[in-house]
Each structure stands twice: as C-alpha cells, then as structure tokens.
C-alpha cells in the first residue's frame, strides 16, 4: 500500500523494531503495523540482531532499545549509522535511562522517545524524523552542546600533548573510521607515499606499532 506526504506518493516507511522484552516488541509491532504508511519489516531482540537485520532489510527507520544482551543499543546505533548513515534511528528509553540518551545521540540517533509514550505520539515522532526532523528536548540539546565543547577542548589539549599536526589529526580520524590508506589518499588528494609518511609519524608520536593500537589509544585519549 502507498501513502502520500504533501501530495507525493511514497512507499510505506519500513521499520525495524529492536527491543529485548518480547511483550513490548510484540505490542509495538501490532500498533505500528496498523498505520497505512508504516510497515514493520523485522524485529530484533538484541543489538547484534539489529545490525544484521539492518544489513538484510535496509529499513528506513529503527526503533532502538538501549539496554539489551549481546550488543547494547548505543553500540548497535553506532554500527548501523556508520554502515548506513541514511537509516534513521529513534532511541526508545525510560526515565531511568536518560543518562544514556546523550551517548545514543552522539552515536548518530536522530532522537529519542519514552517507551511509555502514547501510540499517536510515537507514530507522529516517526513521521517527523522521516521528514528530516529530530526529537530532542531543549535540556538534552544543552547537554549535547556542553559535552561537545568539553570534548573539543580536551581533544585540542591532547593533540597538543602529542604534538599532532592538523593533517595528522585528520588522518587519525580517517583511520578510526576504518578507511584504507588508498581511500585516505583519495580524499585528501595526496599520494600513497605521503599518506604512509603521515601514518608513520602518527605511530611514532602516539608510541604505537599499528593502526589498531593507534585507534585504541586515540579513543582512550579522546583524540577522535
């Protein structure tokens, strides 16, 4: 079935529901599938299943729980957004889990909704996000901004500590993103030899032996 937004005919929004509690998972499946413009294409009980189903089903939007076995919702969000940045993610949370919301948003989620929300508001929230909106309260936005400022200052201080140049810091971020030397060279319009020299300098300054150690240390020291 097709639905329209602003006169445009569109396919139903494909949803992936990720929730470790079967009762909640089933309830969400039922109430959301009733909507003509929504279609639940898969459900998952943990973060690892969510990642696998995202790869297989390519949903438009994921409703993501936070605390789950195998892989939590924050890590699953980070993985899905890294592989499929076009997939929208709304975190489902409780008042007791609000401390994790900022981390989930930093991982790439477009917003969050409380599990106790009314069905109509849930559906409305899904539509808002699919139209390019976000679901973030002013308090959470302030927390995100404050954390960003704190991290930026900390990263700048640590870069200075290791005496990384702007180019080295940029390449370090690309290494953390999993890009190959060839892709980094292509993005920066530099030769492979130049990139290798930068990476060698990075390893020396960070006192590491390889890419894995460099990324691990960069994360630990908040360089990325």
N, C-alpha and C. Protein backbone atom coordinates (compact mmCIF):
# COMPACT_ATOMS: atom_id res chain seq x y z
N UNK A 1 0.84 -1.19 0.00
CA UNK A 1 0.00 0.00 0.00
C UNK A 1 0.88 1.24 0.00
N UNK A 2 0.38 2.29 -0.62
CA UNK A 2 1.13 3.53 -0.70
C UNK A 2 0.48 4.61 0.14
N UNK A 3 1.31 5.55 0.56
CA UNK A 3 0.79 6.67 1.34
C UNK A 3 1.41 7.94 0.77
N UNK A 4 0.82 9.06 1.05
CA UNK A 4 1.35 10.30 0.49
C UNK A 4 1.65 11.32 1.57
N UNK A 5 2.73 12.08 1.33
CA UNK A 5 3.10 13.21 2.19
C UNK A 5 3.18 14.43 1.29
N UNK A 6 2.41 15.46 1.59
CA UNK A 6 2.48 16.67 0.80
C UNK A 6 2.21 16.44 -0.67
N UNK A 7 1.32 15.48 -0.99
CA UNK A 7 0.98 15.23 -2.37
C UNK A 7 1.91 14.26 -3.07
N UNK A 8 3.00 13.87 -2.39
CA UNK A 8 3.95 12.95 -3.00
C UNK A 8 3.59 11.52 -2.62
N UNK A 9 3.49 10.66 -3.59
CA UNK A 9 3.18 9.27 -3.31
C UNK A 9 4.47 8.56 -2.90
N UNK A 10 4.39 7.84 -1.81
CA UNK A 10 5.57 7.17 -1.27
C UNK A 10 5.22 5.76 -0.82
N UNK A 11 6.24 4.91 -0.77
CA UNK A 11 6.05 3.59 -0.20
C UNK A 11 5.97 3.74 1.32
N UNK A 12 5.36 2.75 2.00
CA UNK A 12 5.29 2.82 3.46
C UNK A 12 6.69 2.91 4.08
N UNK A 13 6.78 3.56 5.20
CA UNK A 13 8.04 3.65 5.94
C UNK A 13 8.38 2.29 6.51
N UNK A 14 9.54 1.76 6.14
CA UNK A 14 9.95 0.43 6.61
C UNK A 14 10.61 0.54 7.99
N UNK A 15 10.05 -0.18 8.95
CA UNK A 15 10.52 -0.08 10.34
C UNK A 15 11.20 -1.37 10.81
N UNK A 16 12.24 -1.19 11.60
CA UNK A 16 12.87 -2.29 12.32
C UNK A 16 12.71 -2.00 13.80
N UNK A 17 12.07 -2.90 14.52
CA UNK A 17 11.86 -2.73 15.97
C UNK A 17 12.90 -3.54 16.72
N UNK A 18 13.64 -2.87 17.60
CA UNK A 18 14.69 -3.54 18.38
C UNK A 18 14.37 -3.38 19.86
N UNK A 19 14.01 -4.47 20.50
CA UNK A 19 13.58 -4.44 21.91
C UNK A 19 13.74 -5.85 22.49
N UNK A 20 14.40 -5.95 23.65
CA UNK A 20 14.66 -7.29 24.20
C UNK A 20 13.48 -7.88 24.95
N UNK A 21 12.49 -7.04 25.32
CA UNK A 21 11.31 -7.56 26.01
C UNK A 21 10.24 -7.92 24.97
N UNK A 22 9.90 -9.19 24.94
CA UNK A 22 9.00 -9.69 23.91
C UNK A 22 7.64 -9.00 23.92
N UNK A 23 7.10 -8.73 25.11
CA UNK A 23 5.78 -8.10 25.20
C UNK A 23 5.78 -6.72 24.54
N UNK A 24 6.79 -5.92 24.85
CA UNK A 24 6.89 -4.58 24.27
C UNK A 24 7.12 -4.68 22.77
N UNK A 25 8.00 -5.61 22.39
CA UNK A 25 8.33 -5.80 20.97
C UNK A 25 7.07 -6.16 20.16
N UNK A 26 6.30 -7.09 20.70
CA UNK A 26 5.08 -7.53 20.01
C UNK A 26 4.03 -6.43 19.95
N UNK A 27 3.90 -5.69 21.06
CA UNK A 27 2.92 -4.61 21.11
C UNK A 27 3.24 -3.53 20.09
N UNK A 28 4.52 -3.16 20.02
CA UNK A 28 4.93 -2.15 19.05
C UNK A 28 4.67 -2.62 17.63
N UNK A 29 4.96 -3.89 17.39
CA UNK A 29 4.73 -4.47 16.06
C UNK A 29 3.26 -4.32 15.66
N UNK A 30 2.38 -4.66 16.58
CA UNK A 30 0.94 -4.64 16.29
C UNK A 30 0.44 -3.22 16.04
N UNK A 31 0.76 -2.29 16.96
CA UNK A 31 0.20 -0.94 16.85
C UNK A 31 0.77 -0.16 15.68
N UNK A 32 2.02 -0.43 15.32
CA UNK A 32 2.63 0.30 14.22
C UNK A 32 2.22 -0.25 12.86
N UNK A 33 2.02 -1.55 12.79
CA UNK A 33 1.62 -2.15 11.52
C UNK A 33 0.21 -1.76 11.11
N UNK A 34 -0.57 -1.26 12.06
CA UNK A 34 -1.93 -0.83 11.75
C UNK A 34 -1.92 0.41 10.85
N UNK A 35 -0.90 1.25 11.04
CA UNK A 35 -0.81 2.50 10.28
C UNK A 35 -0.54 2.22 8.81
N UNK A 36 -1.29 2.87 7.93
CA UNK A 36 -1.17 2.62 6.50
C UNK A 36 0.20 3.00 5.93
N UNK A 37 0.82 4.03 6.51
CA UNK A 37 2.09 4.48 5.95
C UNK A 37 3.30 3.89 6.66
N UNK A 38 3.06 2.91 7.55
CA UNK A 38 4.16 2.24 8.25
C UNK A 38 4.12 0.74 7.97
N UNK A 39 5.29 0.12 7.88
CA UNK A 39 5.37 -1.32 7.66
C UNK A 39 6.54 -1.88 8.45
N UNK A 40 6.26 -2.71 9.44
CA UNK A 40 7.32 -3.35 10.23
C UNK A 40 7.91 -4.48 9.40
N UNK A 41 9.16 -4.33 8.99
CA UNK A 41 9.78 -5.34 8.13
C UNK A 41 10.58 -6.37 8.92
N UNK A 42 10.89 -6.05 10.21
CA UNK A 42 11.65 -7.01 11.02
C UNK A 42 11.64 -6.56 12.48
N UNK A 43 11.88 -7.52 13.38
CA UNK A 43 12.04 -7.22 14.81
C UNK A 43 13.30 -7.92 15.30
N UNK A 44 13.95 -7.33 16.30
CA UNK A 44 15.18 -7.90 16.84
C UNK A 44 15.15 -7.83 18.35
N UNK A 45 15.82 -8.79 19.00
CA UNK A 45 15.82 -8.87 20.46
C UNK A 45 17.12 -8.36 21.08
N UNK A 46 18.13 -8.08 20.24
CA UNK A 46 19.38 -7.54 20.76
C UNK A 46 20.08 -6.72 19.67
N UNK A 47 21.12 -6.03 20.06
CA UNK A 47 21.81 -5.14 19.13
C UNK A 47 22.46 -5.84 17.96
N UNK A 48 23.01 -7.02 18.20
CA UNK A 48 23.66 -7.76 17.11
C UNK A 48 22.64 -8.15 16.04
N UNK A 49 21.49 -8.63 16.47
CA UNK A 49 20.42 -8.95 15.52
C UNK A 49 20.00 -7.70 14.77
N UNK A 50 19.97 -6.58 15.46
CA UNK A 50 19.57 -5.32 14.83
C UNK A 50 20.50 -4.96 13.68
N UNK A 51 21.79 -5.10 13.93
CA UNK A 51 22.79 -4.79 12.90
C UNK A 51 22.62 -5.71 11.70
N UNK A 52 22.47 -7.01 11.98
CA UNK A 52 22.31 -7.99 10.91
C UNK A 52 21.05 -7.74 10.09
N UNK A 53 19.95 -7.41 10.78
CA UNK A 53 18.69 -7.17 10.07
C UNK A 53 18.72 -5.83 9.32
N UNK A 54 19.46 -4.88 9.84
CA UNK A 54 19.60 -3.60 9.13
C UNK A 54 20.31 -3.84 7.80
N UNK A 55 21.31 -4.70 7.82
CA UNK A 55 22.04 -5.03 6.59
C UNK A 55 21.15 -5.79 5.61
N UNK A 56 20.32 -6.66 6.15
CA UNK A 56 19.49 -7.51 5.30
C UNK A 56 18.24 -6.79 4.78
N UNK A 57 17.55 -6.06 5.65
CA UNK A 57 16.25 -5.47 5.31
C UNK A 57 16.34 -4.01 4.85
N UNK A 58 17.42 -3.34 5.20
CA UNK A 58 17.58 -1.92 4.88
C UNK A 58 16.33 -1.11 5.24
N UNK A 59 15.97 -1.09 6.51
CA UNK A 59 14.78 -0.32 6.93
C UNK A 59 15.01 1.17 6.75
N UNK A 60 13.93 1.92 6.73
CA UNK A 60 14.04 3.38 6.67
C UNK A 60 14.33 3.94 8.06
N UNK A 61 13.77 3.27 9.07
CA UNK A 61 13.91 3.77 10.44
C UNK A 61 13.96 2.62 11.44
N UNK A 62 14.79 2.79 12.45
CA UNK A 62 14.93 1.78 13.51
C UNK A 62 14.47 2.37 14.83
N UNK A 63 13.60 1.64 15.53
CA UNK A 63 13.24 1.98 16.91
C UNK A 63 14.15 1.14 17.80
N UNK A 64 15.08 1.80 18.50
CA UNK A 64 16.18 1.10 19.17
C UNK A 64 16.10 1.20 20.69
N UNK A 65 16.03 0.04 21.34
CA UNK A 65 16.13 -0.03 22.80
C UNK A 65 17.59 0.22 23.20
N UNK A 66 17.84 0.57 24.44
CA UNK A 66 19.21 0.85 24.88
C UNK A 66 19.86 -0.37 25.53
N UNK A 67 19.25 -0.86 26.62
CA UNK A 67 19.86 -1.96 27.36
C UNK A 67 19.38 -3.30 26.82
N UNK A 68 20.29 -4.03 26.16
CA UNK A 68 19.97 -5.33 25.58
C UNK A 68 21.17 -6.26 25.69
N UNK A 69 20.93 -7.55 25.63
CA UNK A 69 22.04 -8.50 25.68
C UNK A 69 22.83 -8.51 24.37
N UNK A 70 23.98 -9.15 24.38
CA UNK A 70 24.88 -9.34 23.23
C UNK A 70 25.52 -8.03 22.78
N UNK A 71 24.71 -7.08 22.35
CA UNK A 71 25.19 -5.75 21.96
C UNK A 71 24.13 -4.73 22.36
N UNK A 72 24.54 -3.68 23.07
CA UNK A 72 23.55 -2.70 23.52
C UNK A 72 23.13 -1.78 22.38
N UNK A 73 22.09 -0.99 22.63
CA UNK A 73 21.53 -0.15 21.60
C UNK A 73 22.44 0.96 21.14
N UNK A 74 23.29 1.45 22.03
CA UNK A 74 24.21 2.52 21.65
C UNK A 74 25.24 2.02 20.65
N UNK A 75 25.83 0.86 20.92
CA UNK A 75 26.82 0.28 20.01
C UNK A 75 26.16 -0.11 18.69
N UNK A 76 24.95 -0.66 18.78
CA UNK A 76 24.22 -1.04 17.56
C UNK A 76 23.93 0.20 16.72
N UNK A 77 23.53 1.29 17.38
CA UNK A 77 23.28 2.55 16.67
C UNK A 77 24.53 3.04 15.98
N UNK A 78 25.64 3.01 16.70
CA UNK A 78 26.91 3.46 16.13
C UNK A 78 27.29 2.64 14.90
N UNK A 79 27.10 1.33 14.99
CA UNK A 79 27.46 0.44 13.87
C UNK A 79 26.57 0.66 12.66
N UNK A 80 25.27 0.74 12.90
CA UNK A 80 24.32 0.93 11.80
C UNK A 80 24.54 2.28 11.12
N UNK A 81 24.73 3.34 11.90
CA UNK A 81 24.92 4.66 11.31
C UNK A 81 26.24 4.76 10.55
N UNK A 82 27.22 4.00 10.99
CA UNK A 82 28.50 4.01 10.28
C UNK A 82 28.36 3.33 8.91
N UNK A 83 27.60 2.23 8.87
CA UNK A 83 27.43 1.50 7.62
C UNK A 83 26.32 2.08 6.74
N UNK A 84 25.24 2.55 7.38
CA UNK A 84 24.09 3.05 6.63
C UNK A 84 23.63 4.39 7.23
N UNK A 85 24.37 5.45 6.98
CA UNK A 85 24.01 6.75 7.58
C UNK A 85 22.63 7.25 7.21
N UNK A 86 22.07 6.71 6.11
CA UNK A 86 20.74 7.17 5.69
C UNK A 86 19.62 6.57 6.53
N UNK A 87 19.90 5.49 7.26
CA UNK A 87 18.88 4.88 8.11
C UNK A 87 18.66 5.75 9.35
N UNK A 88 17.41 6.13 9.59
CA UNK A 88 17.08 6.94 10.76
C UNK A 88 16.94 6.04 11.99
N UNK A 89 17.34 6.56 13.14
CA UNK A 89 17.24 5.78 14.38
C UNK A 89 16.62 6.62 15.49
N UNK A 90 15.57 6.09 16.09
CA UNK A 90 14.95 6.71 17.27
C UNK A 90 15.19 5.77 18.45
N UNK A 91 15.77 6.30 19.50
CA UNK A 91 16.05 5.52 20.69
C UNK A 91 14.81 5.47 21.57
N UNK A 92 14.44 4.27 22.00
CA UNK A 92 13.34 4.09 22.95
C UNK A 92 13.93 3.95 24.34
N UNK A 93 13.50 4.78 25.26
CA UNK A 93 14.12 4.79 26.57
C UNK A 93 13.09 4.98 27.68
N UNK A 94 13.56 4.86 28.91
CA UNK A 94 12.73 5.13 30.08
C UNK A 94 13.36 6.33 30.80
N UNK A 95 12.63 6.88 31.78
CA UNK A 95 13.18 8.00 32.54
C UNK A 95 14.49 7.60 33.23
N UNK A 96 14.57 6.33 33.63
CA UNK A 96 15.76 5.86 34.34
C UNK A 96 16.98 5.76 33.43
N UNK A 97 16.77 5.78 32.12
CA UNK A 97 17.88 5.61 31.18
C UNK A 97 18.30 6.92 30.51
N UNK A 98 17.80 8.04 30.99
CA UNK A 98 18.05 9.32 30.32
C UNK A 98 19.53 9.67 30.22
N UNK A 99 20.35 9.17 31.14
CA UNK A 99 21.78 9.44 31.09
C UNK A 99 22.42 8.86 29.84
N UNK A 100 21.78 7.84 29.28
CA UNK A 100 22.35 7.18 28.09
C UNK A 100 21.89 7.84 26.79
N UNK A 101 20.91 8.72 26.88
CA UNK A 101 20.34 9.33 25.68
C UNK A 101 21.38 10.17 24.94
N UNK A 102 22.13 10.99 25.68
CA UNK A 102 23.15 11.83 25.04
C UNK A 102 24.16 10.97 24.30
N UNK A 103 24.57 9.86 24.90
CA UNK A 103 25.53 8.96 24.26
C UNK A 103 24.93 8.37 22.99
N UNK A 104 23.65 8.02 23.03
CA UNK A 104 22.99 7.45 21.85
C UNK A 104 22.91 8.49 20.73
N UNK A 105 22.61 9.73 21.09
CA UNK A 105 22.54 10.79 20.08
C UNK A 105 23.92 11.06 19.49
N UNK A 106 24.94 10.98 20.32
CA UNK A 106 26.30 11.16 19.82
C UNK A 106 26.68 10.02 18.86
N UNK A 107 26.06 8.87 19.07
CA UNK A 107 26.32 7.72 18.19
C UNK A 107 25.62 7.87 16.85
N UNK A 108 24.72 8.85 16.74
CA UNK A 108 24.08 9.11 15.46
C UNK A 108 22.57 9.07 15.43
N UNK A 109 21.94 8.74 16.57
CA UNK A 109 20.47 8.67 16.59
C UNK A 109 19.85 10.04 16.31
N UNK A 110 18.70 10.03 15.64
CA UNK A 110 18.01 11.27 15.30
C UNK A 110 17.16 11.81 16.45
N UNK A 111 16.99 11.02 17.48
CA UNK A 111 16.19 11.47 18.60
C UNK A 111 15.82 10.32 19.52
N UNK A 112 14.95 10.61 20.47
CA UNK A 112 14.55 9.57 21.41
C UNK A 112 13.09 9.77 21.79
N UNK A 113 12.46 8.69 22.21
CA UNK A 113 11.09 8.72 22.70
C UNK A 113 11.01 7.83 23.93
N UNK A 114 10.15 8.19 24.87
CA UNK A 114 9.95 7.36 26.05
C UNK A 114 9.07 6.16 25.69
N UNK A 115 9.38 5.02 26.28
CA UNK A 115 8.62 3.81 25.99
C UNK A 115 7.15 3.95 26.38
N UNK A 116 6.89 4.80 27.36
CA UNK A 116 5.52 4.95 27.85
C UNK A 116 4.71 5.94 27.01
N UNK A 117 5.27 6.37 25.89
CA UNK A 117 4.61 7.37 25.06
C UNK A 117 3.31 6.83 24.46
N UNK A 118 2.37 7.72 24.23
CA UNK A 118 1.11 7.34 23.58
C UNK A 118 1.40 6.92 22.13
N UNK A 119 0.65 5.95 21.66
CA UNK A 119 0.86 5.42 20.31
C UNK A 119 0.80 6.51 19.25
N UNK A 120 -0.14 7.43 19.36
CA UNK A 120 -0.27 8.50 18.37
C UNK A 120 0.98 9.37 18.34
N UNK A 121 1.55 9.63 19.52
CA UNK A 121 2.77 10.45 19.58
C UNK A 121 3.97 9.69 19.02
N UNK A 122 3.99 8.39 19.23
CA UNK A 122 5.06 7.56 18.67
C UNK A 122 5.02 7.61 17.15
N UNK A 123 3.85 7.40 16.60
CA UNK A 123 3.68 7.43 15.14
C UNK A 123 4.05 8.81 14.60
N UNK A 124 3.60 9.86 15.29
CA UNK A 124 3.90 11.23 14.89
C UNK A 124 5.41 11.47 14.90
N UNK A 125 6.09 10.94 15.94
CA UNK A 125 7.54 11.10 16.06
C UNK A 125 8.27 10.42 14.90
N UNK A 126 7.81 9.25 14.51
CA UNK A 126 8.41 8.52 13.39
C UNK A 126 8.29 9.35 12.11
N UNK A 127 7.13 9.92 11.89
CA UNK A 127 6.90 10.73 10.68
C UNK A 127 7.76 11.99 10.68
N UNK A 128 7.90 12.61 11.86
CA UNK A 128 8.73 13.82 11.97
C UNK A 128 10.17 13.51 11.58
N UNK A 129 10.70 12.43 12.11
CA UNK A 129 12.09 12.06 11.81
C UNK A 129 12.26 11.70 10.34
N UNK A 130 11.29 10.99 9.76
CA UNK A 130 11.38 10.61 8.36
C UNK A 130 11.31 11.83 7.43
N UNK A 131 10.76 12.93 7.93
CA UNK A 131 10.69 14.16 7.13
C UNK A 131 11.89 15.07 7.41
N UNK A 132 12.89 14.53 8.12
CA UNK A 132 14.11 15.28 8.35
C UNK A 132 14.21 15.97 9.69
N UNK A 133 13.21 15.77 10.54
CA UNK A 133 13.22 16.41 11.85
C UNK A 133 13.99 15.61 12.89
N UNK A 134 14.11 16.17 14.08
CA UNK A 134 14.76 15.49 15.19
C UNK A 134 13.83 15.51 16.40
N UNK A 135 14.07 14.60 17.32
CA UNK A 135 13.25 14.51 18.54
C UNK A 135 14.16 14.66 19.75
N UNK A 136 14.51 15.91 20.04
CA UNK A 136 15.44 16.19 21.14
C UNK A 136 14.89 17.35 21.96
N UNK A 137 14.80 17.16 23.27
CA UNK A 137 14.32 18.24 24.13
C UNK A 137 15.42 19.29 24.31
N UNK A 138 15.03 20.46 24.76
CA UNK A 138 15.99 21.55 24.96
C UNK A 138 17.05 21.15 25.97
N UNK A 139 16.65 20.42 27.02
CA UNK A 139 17.59 20.02 28.06
C UNK A 139 18.66 19.09 27.48
N UNK A 140 18.23 18.13 26.65
CA UNK A 140 19.18 17.20 26.04
C UNK A 140 20.09 17.93 25.06
N UNK A 141 19.53 18.87 24.31
CA UNK A 141 20.32 19.65 23.36
C UNK A 141 21.43 20.42 24.09
N UNK A 142 21.08 21.00 25.24
CA UNK A 142 22.08 21.73 26.03
C UNK A 142 23.18 20.78 26.51
N UNK A 143 22.78 19.59 26.94
CA UNK A 143 23.76 18.60 27.41
C UNK A 143 24.70 18.18 26.28
N UNK A 144 24.14 18.01 25.09
CA UNK A 144 24.95 17.65 23.93
C UNK A 144 25.95 18.76 23.61
N UNK A 145 25.48 19.99 23.64
CA UNK A 145 26.35 21.12 23.31
C UNK A 145 27.47 21.25 24.34
N UNK A 146 27.13 21.13 25.61
CA UNK A 146 28.13 21.24 26.67
C UNK A 146 29.17 20.14 26.55
N UNK A 147 28.71 18.93 26.24
CA UNK A 147 29.64 17.80 26.11
C UNK A 147 30.55 18.00 24.90
N UNK A 148 29.98 18.56 23.81
CA UNK A 148 30.77 18.80 22.61
C UNK A 148 31.88 19.80 22.89
N UNK A 149 31.55 20.88 23.61
CA UNK A 149 32.55 21.89 23.96
C UNK A 149 33.65 21.28 24.82
N UNK A 150 33.23 20.46 25.79
CA UNK A 150 34.19 19.82 26.69
C UNK A 150 35.13 18.90 25.92
N UNK A 151 34.55 18.09 25.02
CA UNK A 151 35.36 17.16 24.24
C UNK A 151 36.30 17.89 23.29
N UNK A 152 35.81 18.96 22.68
CA UNK A 152 36.63 19.72 21.74
C UNK A 152 37.85 20.31 22.44
N UNK A 153 37.62 20.85 23.63
CA UNK A 153 38.74 21.42 24.39
C UNK A 153 39.72 20.32 24.80
N UNK A 154 39.16 19.19 25.25
CA UNK A 154 40.01 18.08 25.67
C UNK A 154 40.81 17.53 24.52
N UNK A 155 40.17 17.38 23.35
CA UNK A 155 40.86 16.84 22.17
C UNK A 155 41.97 17.77 21.73
N UNK A 156 41.69 19.08 21.76
CA UNK A 156 42.70 20.05 21.35
C UNK A 156 43.92 19.99 22.27
N UNK A 157 43.65 19.86 23.58
CA UNK A 157 44.74 19.77 24.54
C UNK A 157 45.56 18.50 24.32
N UNK A 158 44.88 17.38 24.04
CA UNK A 158 45.59 16.12 23.83
C UNK A 158 46.37 16.12 22.53
N UNK A 159 45.80 16.75 21.49
CA UNK A 159 46.53 16.85 20.23
C UNK A 159 47.82 17.63 20.45
N UNK A 160 47.71 18.69 21.26
CA UNK A 160 48.88 19.49 21.56
C UNK A 160 49.88 18.67 22.38
N UNK A 161 49.34 17.83 23.26
CA UNK A 161 50.18 16.97 24.10
C UNK A 161 51.03 16.04 23.25
N UNK A 162 50.42 15.49 22.21
CA UNK A 162 51.16 14.58 21.32
C UNK A 162 51.78 15.30 20.13
N UNK A 163 51.55 16.64 20.07
CA UNK A 163 52.11 17.47 19.01
C UNK A 163 51.69 16.98 17.62
N UNK A 164 50.38 16.64 17.51
CA UNK A 164 49.86 16.21 16.21
C UNK A 164 49.55 17.44 15.36
N UNK A 165 49.92 17.37 14.10
CA UNK A 165 49.55 18.44 13.18
C UNK A 165 48.08 18.28 12.82
N UNK A 166 47.49 19.31 12.22
CA UNK A 166 46.08 19.23 11.82
C UNK A 166 45.88 18.09 10.82
N UNK A 167 46.84 17.92 9.91
CA UNK A 167 46.74 16.86 8.92
C UNK A 167 46.83 15.48 9.58
N UNK A 168 47.71 15.33 10.56
CA UNK A 168 47.85 14.06 11.26
C UNK A 168 46.58 13.73 12.04
N UNK A 169 46.00 14.76 12.68
CA UNK A 169 44.75 14.55 13.42
C UNK A 169 43.63 14.14 12.47
N UNK A 170 43.62 14.73 11.29
CA UNK A 170 42.61 14.41 10.28
C UNK A 170 42.76 12.95 9.81
N UNK A 171 43.99 12.55 9.56
CA UNK A 171 44.25 11.18 9.11
C UNK A 171 43.94 10.18 10.22
N UNK A 172 44.21 10.56 11.46
CA UNK A 172 43.90 9.69 12.59
C UNK A 172 42.40 9.41 12.65
N UNK A 173 41.59 10.44 12.39
CA UNK A 173 40.14 10.26 12.37
C UNK A 173 39.72 9.32 11.25
N UNK A 174 40.36 9.45 10.10
CA UNK A 174 40.05 8.56 8.98
C UNK A 174 40.43 7.11 9.31
N UNK A 175 41.53 6.94 10.02
CA UNK A 175 41.93 5.59 10.44
C UNK A 175 40.87 5.00 11.36
N UNK A 176 40.37 5.82 12.27
CA UNK A 176 39.34 5.37 13.21
C UNK A 176 38.05 5.03 12.49
N UNK A 177 37.79 5.72 11.38
CA UNK A 177 36.58 5.45 10.59
C UNK A 177 36.72 4.21 9.72
N UNK A 178 37.92 3.62 9.74
CA UNK A 178 38.12 2.37 9.01
C UNK A 178 38.52 2.53 7.55
N UNK A 179 38.90 3.74 7.15
CA UNK A 179 39.28 3.96 5.76
C UNK A 179 40.66 3.36 5.46
N UNK A 180 40.82 2.83 4.28
CA UNK A 180 42.11 2.28 3.85
C UNK A 180 43.04 3.42 3.50
N UNK A 181 44.34 3.13 3.40
CA UNK A 181 45.31 4.15 3.01
C UNK A 181 44.96 4.74 1.65
N UNK A 182 44.49 3.88 0.75
CA UNK A 182 44.14 4.33 -0.60
C UNK A 182 43.00 5.35 -0.57
N UNK A 183 41.96 5.04 0.26
CA UNK A 183 40.82 5.96 0.36
C UNK A 183 41.21 7.28 1.00
N UNK A 184 42.08 7.21 2.01
CA UNK A 184 42.53 8.43 2.67
C UNK A 184 43.30 9.30 1.68
N UNK A 185 44.16 8.67 0.89
CA UNK A 185 44.93 9.40 -0.12
C UNK A 185 44.00 10.06 -1.13
N UNK A 186 42.95 9.33 -1.51
CA UNK A 186 41.99 9.85 -2.48
C UNK A 186 41.23 11.05 -1.91
N UNK A 187 40.80 10.94 -0.65
CA UNK A 187 40.03 12.02 -0.02
C UNK A 187 40.87 13.29 0.15
N UNK A 188 42.14 13.10 0.48
CA UNK A 188 43.00 14.26 0.76
C UNK A 188 43.80 14.71 -0.45
N UNK A 189 43.62 14.02 -1.58
CA UNK A 189 44.34 14.35 -2.81
C UNK A 189 45.85 14.34 -2.60
N UNK A 190 46.29 13.30 -1.88
CA UNK A 190 47.73 13.13 -1.62
C UNK A 190 48.17 11.77 -2.15
N UNK A 191 49.47 11.62 -2.33
CA UNK A 191 49.99 10.34 -2.82
C UNK A 191 50.01 9.31 -1.71
N UNK A 192 50.06 8.05 -2.10
CA UNK A 192 50.13 6.97 -1.10
C UNK A 192 51.38 7.12 -0.25
N UNK A 193 52.47 7.50 -0.86
CA UNK A 193 53.73 7.66 -0.12
C UNK A 193 53.61 8.72 0.96
N UNK A 194 52.93 9.82 0.63
CA UNK A 194 52.75 10.90 1.61
C UNK A 194 51.87 10.45 2.77
N UNK A 195 50.81 9.73 2.44
CA UNK A 195 49.91 9.21 3.49
C UNK A 195 50.66 8.27 4.41
N UNK A 196 51.45 7.39 3.82
CA UNK A 196 52.24 6.44 4.64
C UNK A 196 53.21 7.17 5.54
N UNK A 197 53.77 8.26 5.06
CA UNK A 197 54.70 9.04 5.88
C UNK A 197 53.96 9.68 7.06
N UNK A 198 52.76 10.20 6.79
CA UNK A 198 51.96 10.79 7.85
C UNK A 198 51.60 9.74 8.90
N UNK A 199 51.21 8.57 8.44
CA UNK A 199 50.81 7.49 9.36
C UNK A 199 52.00 7.03 10.18
N UNK A 200 53.15 6.93 9.54
CA UNK A 200 54.37 6.54 10.27
C UNK A 200 54.69 7.56 11.36
N UNK A 201 54.52 8.84 11.03
CA UNK A 201 54.75 9.90 12.01
C UNK A 201 53.76 9.81 13.16
N UNK A 202 52.50 9.49 12.81
CA UNK A 202 51.47 9.31 13.82
C UNK A 202 51.84 8.21 14.80
N UNK A 203 52.25 7.07 14.26
CA UNK A 203 52.62 5.92 15.10
C UNK A 203 53.74 6.31 16.06
N UNK A 204 54.70 7.07 15.55
CA UNK A 204 55.84 7.48 16.38
C UNK A 204 55.40 8.40 17.52
N UNK A 205 54.57 9.39 17.17
CA UNK A 205 54.12 10.35 18.18
C UNK A 205 53.22 9.71 19.23
N UNK A 206 52.41 8.73 18.81
CA UNK A 206 51.50 8.07 19.75
C UNK A 206 52.16 6.89 20.44
N UNK A 207 53.36 6.54 19.98
CA UNK A 207 54.10 5.41 20.54
C UNK A 207 53.31 4.11 20.39
N UNK A 208 52.86 3.84 19.16
CA UNK A 208 52.11 2.62 18.86
C UNK A 208 52.75 1.94 17.65
N UNK A 209 52.37 0.67 17.44
CA UNK A 209 53.02 -0.11 16.38
C UNK A 209 52.16 -0.31 15.14
N UNK A 210 50.84 -0.12 15.29
CA UNK A 210 49.98 -0.37 14.13
C UNK A 210 48.69 0.43 14.23
N UNK A 211 47.85 0.26 13.21
CA UNK A 211 46.59 1.01 13.11
C UNK A 211 45.66 0.74 14.29
N UNK A 212 45.53 -0.55 14.66
CA UNK A 212 44.63 -0.92 15.75
C UNK A 212 45.03 -0.24 17.06
N UNK A 213 46.32 -0.27 17.35
CA UNK A 213 46.81 0.37 18.57
C UNK A 213 46.62 1.88 18.52
N UNK A 214 46.81 2.46 17.34
CA UNK A 214 46.67 3.91 17.17
C UNK A 214 45.23 4.34 17.44
N UNK A 215 44.28 3.59 16.87
CA UNK A 215 42.86 3.93 17.05
C UNK A 215 42.45 3.73 18.51
N UNK A 216 42.92 2.63 19.11
CA UNK A 216 42.58 2.36 20.51
C UNK A 216 43.09 3.48 21.41
N UNK A 217 44.32 3.91 21.18
CA UNK A 217 44.91 4.97 22.01
C UNK A 217 44.21 6.30 21.74
N UNK A 218 43.86 6.54 20.50
CA UNK A 218 43.18 7.79 20.15
C UNK A 218 41.84 7.89 20.86
N UNK A 219 41.12 6.78 20.92
CA UNK A 219 39.82 6.77 21.62
C UNK A 219 40.01 6.95 23.12
N UNK A 220 41.01 6.27 23.65
CA UNK A 220 41.28 6.35 25.08
C UNK A 220 41.68 7.78 25.49
N UNK A 221 42.44 8.43 24.62
CA UNK A 221 42.91 9.78 24.94
C UNK A 221 41.99 10.89 24.40
N UNK A 222 40.82 10.47 23.85
CA UNK A 222 39.86 11.44 23.30
C UNK A 222 40.45 12.30 22.20
N UNK A 223 41.26 11.69 21.36
CA UNK A 223 41.82 12.41 20.22
C UNK A 223 40.87 12.43 19.05
N UNK A 224 39.86 11.55 19.08
CA UNK A 224 38.88 11.47 17.99
C UNK A 224 37.48 11.51 18.57
